N, C-alpha and C. Protein backbone atom coordinates (compact mmCIF):
# COMPACT_ATOMS: atom_id res chain seq x y z
N MET A 1 -7.68 -11.57 4.83
CA MET A 1 -6.74 -11.13 3.81
C MET A 1 -7.14 -9.73 3.32
N ALA A 2 -6.19 -8.84 3.31
CA ALA A 2 -6.45 -7.47 2.89
C ALA A 2 -6.54 -7.37 1.38
N PHE A 3 -7.43 -6.53 0.91
CA PHE A 3 -7.64 -6.28 -0.50
C PHE A 3 -7.18 -4.86 -0.78
N GLY A 4 -6.59 -4.64 -1.93
CA GLY A 4 -6.15 -3.30 -2.30
C GLY A 4 -4.64 -3.22 -2.36
N THR A 5 -4.17 -2.04 -2.71
CA THR A 5 -2.74 -1.80 -2.84
C THR A 5 -2.18 -1.37 -1.48
N PRO A 6 -1.18 -2.10 -0.97
CA PRO A 6 -0.60 -1.71 0.31
C PRO A 6 0.29 -0.47 0.16
N VAL A 7 0.09 0.49 1.03
CA VAL A 7 0.86 1.72 1.05
C VAL A 7 1.41 1.89 2.46
N SER A 8 2.66 2.27 2.58
CA SER A 8 3.24 2.53 3.90
C SER A 8 2.42 3.60 4.62
N ARG A 9 2.13 3.34 5.86
CA ARG A 9 1.27 4.22 6.65
C ARG A 9 1.79 5.66 6.66
N HIS A 10 3.10 5.84 6.70
CA HIS A 10 3.65 7.20 6.77
C HIS A 10 3.46 7.98 5.47
N CYS A 11 3.06 7.30 4.39
CA CYS A 11 2.83 7.97 3.10
C CYS A 11 1.39 8.46 2.95
N VAL A 12 0.51 8.11 3.89
CA VAL A 12 -0.88 8.55 3.84
C VAL A 12 -0.98 9.78 4.75
N ILE A 13 -1.26 10.91 4.13
CA ILE A 13 -1.13 12.22 4.77
C ILE A 13 -2.46 12.98 4.74
N THR A 14 -2.72 13.70 5.81
CA THR A 14 -3.85 14.63 5.82
C THR A 14 -3.29 16.04 5.63
N LEU A 15 -3.85 16.73 4.64
CA LEU A 15 -3.41 18.09 4.35
C LEU A 15 -4.14 19.08 5.26
N ARG A 16 -3.67 20.30 5.28
CA ARG A 16 -4.32 21.36 6.07
C ARG A 16 -5.76 21.61 5.60
N THR A 17 -6.06 21.25 4.36
CA THR A 17 -7.41 21.39 3.81
C THR A 17 -8.32 20.23 4.23
N ASN A 18 -7.77 19.27 4.99
CA ASN A 18 -8.44 18.04 5.43
C ASN A 18 -8.57 17.00 4.33
N ASP A 19 -8.00 17.26 3.15
CA ASP A 19 -7.95 16.23 2.12
C ASP A 19 -6.95 15.17 2.55
N ILE A 20 -7.27 13.92 2.26
CA ILE A 20 -6.36 12.82 2.58
C ILE A 20 -5.72 12.36 1.28
N VAL A 21 -4.40 12.31 1.29
CA VAL A 21 -3.64 12.05 0.08
C VAL A 21 -2.57 11.00 0.35
N VAL A 22 -2.07 10.43 -0.76
CA VAL A 22 -0.95 9.50 -0.70
C VAL A 22 0.24 10.18 -1.34
N ASP A 23 1.35 10.20 -0.63
CA ASP A 23 2.58 10.77 -1.15
C ASP A 23 3.14 9.82 -2.20
N MET A 24 3.16 10.26 -3.46
CA MET A 24 3.63 9.44 -4.56
C MET A 24 5.07 9.80 -4.96
N GLY A 25 5.68 10.74 -4.24
CA GLY A 25 7.05 11.16 -4.54
C GLY A 25 7.07 12.37 -5.46
N ASP A 26 8.19 13.06 -5.49
CA ASP A 26 8.39 14.24 -6.34
C ASP A 26 7.30 15.29 -6.16
N SER A 27 6.83 15.47 -4.94
CA SER A 27 5.77 16.44 -4.60
C SER A 27 4.44 16.12 -5.25
N ASN A 28 4.25 14.90 -5.76
CA ASN A 28 2.97 14.45 -6.31
C ASN A 28 2.19 13.70 -5.23
N PHE A 29 0.93 14.09 -5.06
CA PHE A 29 0.07 13.45 -4.08
C PHE A 29 -1.23 13.04 -4.75
N LEU A 30 -1.71 11.84 -4.41
CA LEU A 30 -2.97 11.34 -4.93
C LEU A 30 -4.05 11.59 -3.90
N ASN A 31 -5.09 12.33 -4.28
CA ASN A 31 -6.23 12.57 -3.41
C ASN A 31 -7.08 11.30 -3.39
N ILE A 32 -7.21 10.67 -2.23
CA ILE A 32 -7.92 9.40 -2.13
C ILE A 32 -9.39 9.56 -2.48
N HIS A 33 -10.00 10.69 -2.14
CA HIS A 33 -11.43 10.90 -2.41
C HIS A 33 -11.72 11.10 -3.89
N THR A 34 -10.92 11.92 -4.55
CA THR A 34 -11.22 12.29 -5.94
C THR A 34 -10.47 11.46 -6.96
N GLY A 35 -9.35 10.85 -6.55
CA GLY A 35 -8.51 10.12 -7.51
C GLY A 35 -7.62 11.04 -8.32
N GLY A 36 -7.67 12.34 -8.04
CA GLY A 36 -6.87 13.30 -8.78
C GLY A 36 -5.51 13.51 -8.13
N PHE A 37 -4.56 13.93 -8.94
CA PHE A 37 -3.22 14.22 -8.44
C PHE A 37 -3.07 15.70 -8.19
N VAL A 38 -2.37 16.02 -7.11
CA VAL A 38 -2.10 17.41 -6.76
C VAL A 38 -0.63 17.55 -6.39
N LYS A 39 -0.11 18.74 -6.58
CA LYS A 39 1.24 19.08 -6.13
C LYS A 39 1.09 19.76 -4.77
N CYS A 40 1.92 19.38 -3.83
CA CYS A 40 1.86 19.98 -2.50
C CYS A 40 3.25 20.35 -2.03
N LYS A 41 3.28 21.33 -1.16
CA LYS A 41 4.51 21.74 -0.50
C LYS A 41 4.45 21.22 0.94
N GLU A 42 5.59 21.22 1.57
CA GLU A 42 5.65 20.72 2.95
C GLU A 42 4.71 21.48 3.88
N GLU A 43 4.55 22.78 3.64
CA GLU A 43 3.67 23.57 4.52
C GLU A 43 2.18 23.25 4.32
N ASP A 44 1.83 22.50 3.25
CA ASP A 44 0.45 22.09 3.02
C ASP A 44 0.06 20.89 3.88
N ILE A 45 1.06 20.19 4.44
CA ILE A 45 0.82 18.95 5.18
C ILE A 45 0.44 19.28 6.62
N SER A 46 -0.60 18.61 7.11
CA SER A 46 -1.00 18.77 8.50
C SER A 46 -0.42 17.65 9.36
N HIS A 47 -0.72 16.38 9.01
CA HIS A 47 -0.27 15.26 9.84
C HIS A 47 -0.43 13.94 9.09
N THR A 48 0.21 12.90 9.64
CA THR A 48 -0.02 11.55 9.13
C THR A 48 -1.45 11.19 9.50
N THR A 49 -2.15 10.59 8.57
CA THR A 49 -3.58 10.33 8.75
C THR A 49 -3.85 9.45 9.96
N LEU A 50 -4.81 9.86 10.76
CA LEU A 50 -5.17 9.18 12.00
C LEU A 50 -6.08 7.97 11.74
N ASP A 51 -6.13 7.06 12.69
CA ASP A 51 -7.02 5.90 12.59
C ASP A 51 -8.47 6.32 12.36
N SER A 52 -8.91 7.35 13.06
CA SER A 52 -10.30 7.80 12.92
C SER A 52 -10.59 8.29 11.50
N GLU A 53 -9.61 8.92 10.86
CA GLU A 53 -9.78 9.38 9.48
C GLU A 53 -9.76 8.19 8.52
N LEU A 54 -8.88 7.22 8.79
CA LEU A 54 -8.83 6.03 7.94
C LEU A 54 -10.11 5.21 8.07
N GLU A 55 -10.69 5.21 9.24
CA GLU A 55 -11.94 4.46 9.44
C GLU A 55 -13.06 5.05 8.58
N ILE A 56 -13.10 6.36 8.43
CA ILE A 56 -14.09 7.00 7.55
C ILE A 56 -13.86 6.54 6.11
N LEU A 57 -12.60 6.48 5.69
CA LEU A 57 -12.29 6.01 4.34
C LEU A 57 -12.65 4.54 4.17
N ARG A 58 -12.47 3.76 5.23
CA ARG A 58 -12.83 2.34 5.16
C ARG A 58 -14.34 2.17 5.00
N LEU A 59 -15.10 2.93 5.74
CA LEU A 59 -16.56 2.87 5.63
C LEU A 59 -17.04 3.32 4.26
N ALA A 60 -16.29 4.23 3.62
CA ALA A 60 -16.62 4.70 2.27
C ALA A 60 -16.07 3.76 1.20
N LYS A 61 -15.41 2.68 1.63
CA LYS A 61 -14.84 1.67 0.74
C LYS A 61 -13.70 2.20 -0.13
N LEU A 62 -13.04 3.27 0.33
CA LEU A 62 -11.87 3.79 -0.36
C LEU A 62 -10.60 3.13 0.17
N VAL A 63 -10.69 2.60 1.39
CA VAL A 63 -9.63 1.85 2.03
C VAL A 63 -10.23 0.53 2.48
N ASP A 64 -9.53 -0.58 2.20
CA ASP A 64 -10.04 -1.88 2.63
C ASP A 64 -9.74 -2.12 4.10
N SER A 65 -8.48 -1.88 4.49
CA SER A 65 -8.09 -2.05 5.89
C SER A 65 -6.80 -1.29 6.14
N TYR A 66 -6.38 -1.27 7.39
CA TYR A 66 -5.15 -0.58 7.77
C TYR A 66 -4.66 -1.17 9.08
N ASP A 67 -3.37 -1.00 9.31
CA ASP A 67 -2.76 -1.38 10.58
C ASP A 67 -1.68 -0.34 10.89
N ALA A 68 -0.80 -0.64 11.81
CA ALA A 68 0.23 0.33 12.22
C ALA A 68 1.24 0.61 11.11
N ASN A 69 1.37 -0.31 10.14
CA ASN A 69 2.40 -0.16 9.10
C ASN A 69 1.87 0.10 7.71
N LYS A 70 0.69 -0.39 7.37
CA LYS A 70 0.17 -0.34 6.00
C LYS A 70 -1.27 0.15 5.97
N VAL A 71 -1.60 0.78 4.84
CA VAL A 71 -2.98 1.13 4.51
C VAL A 71 -3.26 0.47 3.17
N TYR A 72 -4.34 -0.29 3.06
CA TYR A 72 -4.69 -0.98 1.83
C TYR A 72 -5.76 -0.17 1.09
N ILE A 73 -5.31 0.51 0.04
CA ILE A 73 -6.17 1.42 -0.70
C ILE A 73 -6.80 0.65 -1.85
N THR A 74 -8.12 0.78 -2.01
CA THR A 74 -8.84 -0.06 -2.97
C THR A 74 -8.63 0.35 -4.42
N ALA A 75 -8.39 1.61 -4.71
CA ALA A 75 -8.23 2.04 -6.11
C ALA A 75 -7.09 3.05 -6.21
N LEU A 76 -5.87 2.55 -6.15
CA LEU A 76 -4.71 3.42 -6.22
C LEU A 76 -4.28 3.58 -7.67
N GLN A 77 -4.16 4.82 -8.11
CA GLN A 77 -3.76 5.11 -9.49
C GLN A 77 -2.26 5.33 -9.57
N ASP A 78 -1.72 5.17 -10.76
CA ASP A 78 -0.31 5.47 -10.99
C ASP A 78 -0.12 6.98 -11.08
N PRO A 79 1.04 7.48 -10.61
CA PRO A 79 1.29 8.91 -10.70
C PRO A 79 1.48 9.35 -12.13
N PRO A 80 1.23 10.62 -12.42
CA PRO A 80 1.43 11.11 -13.80
C PRO A 80 2.90 11.03 -14.19
N ARG A 81 3.13 10.72 -15.42
CA ARG A 81 4.50 10.63 -15.95
C ARG A 81 4.68 11.65 -17.05
N ASP A 82 5.89 12.19 -17.14
CA ASP A 82 6.21 13.07 -18.26
C ASP A 82 6.25 12.23 -19.53
N SER A 83 5.58 12.69 -20.56
CA SER A 83 5.56 11.93 -21.82
C SER A 83 6.86 12.16 -22.57
N MET A 84 7.30 11.13 -23.23
CA MET A 84 8.50 11.21 -24.06
C MET A 84 8.04 11.43 -25.49
N GLU A 85 8.41 12.55 -26.06
CA GLU A 85 7.98 12.84 -27.43
C GLU A 85 9.06 12.54 -28.41
């Protein structure tokens, strides 16, 4: 049984900087290593994260498991929200 939050595999992206992020929508991306949110443009994206890259995250316990459709991320944060004043 997989542990963690399931994320569609196509939403786990490697940037040109080699940072691995989760596309949270509205140009918001969660950096899996730091837990911080970043804004990215399409030209910042390199590729959908490879199995070899996910395996490194699994060994670091940032990802529990993955398959062809899902990546189970152990500590997925909610995206930032605009505050209503």
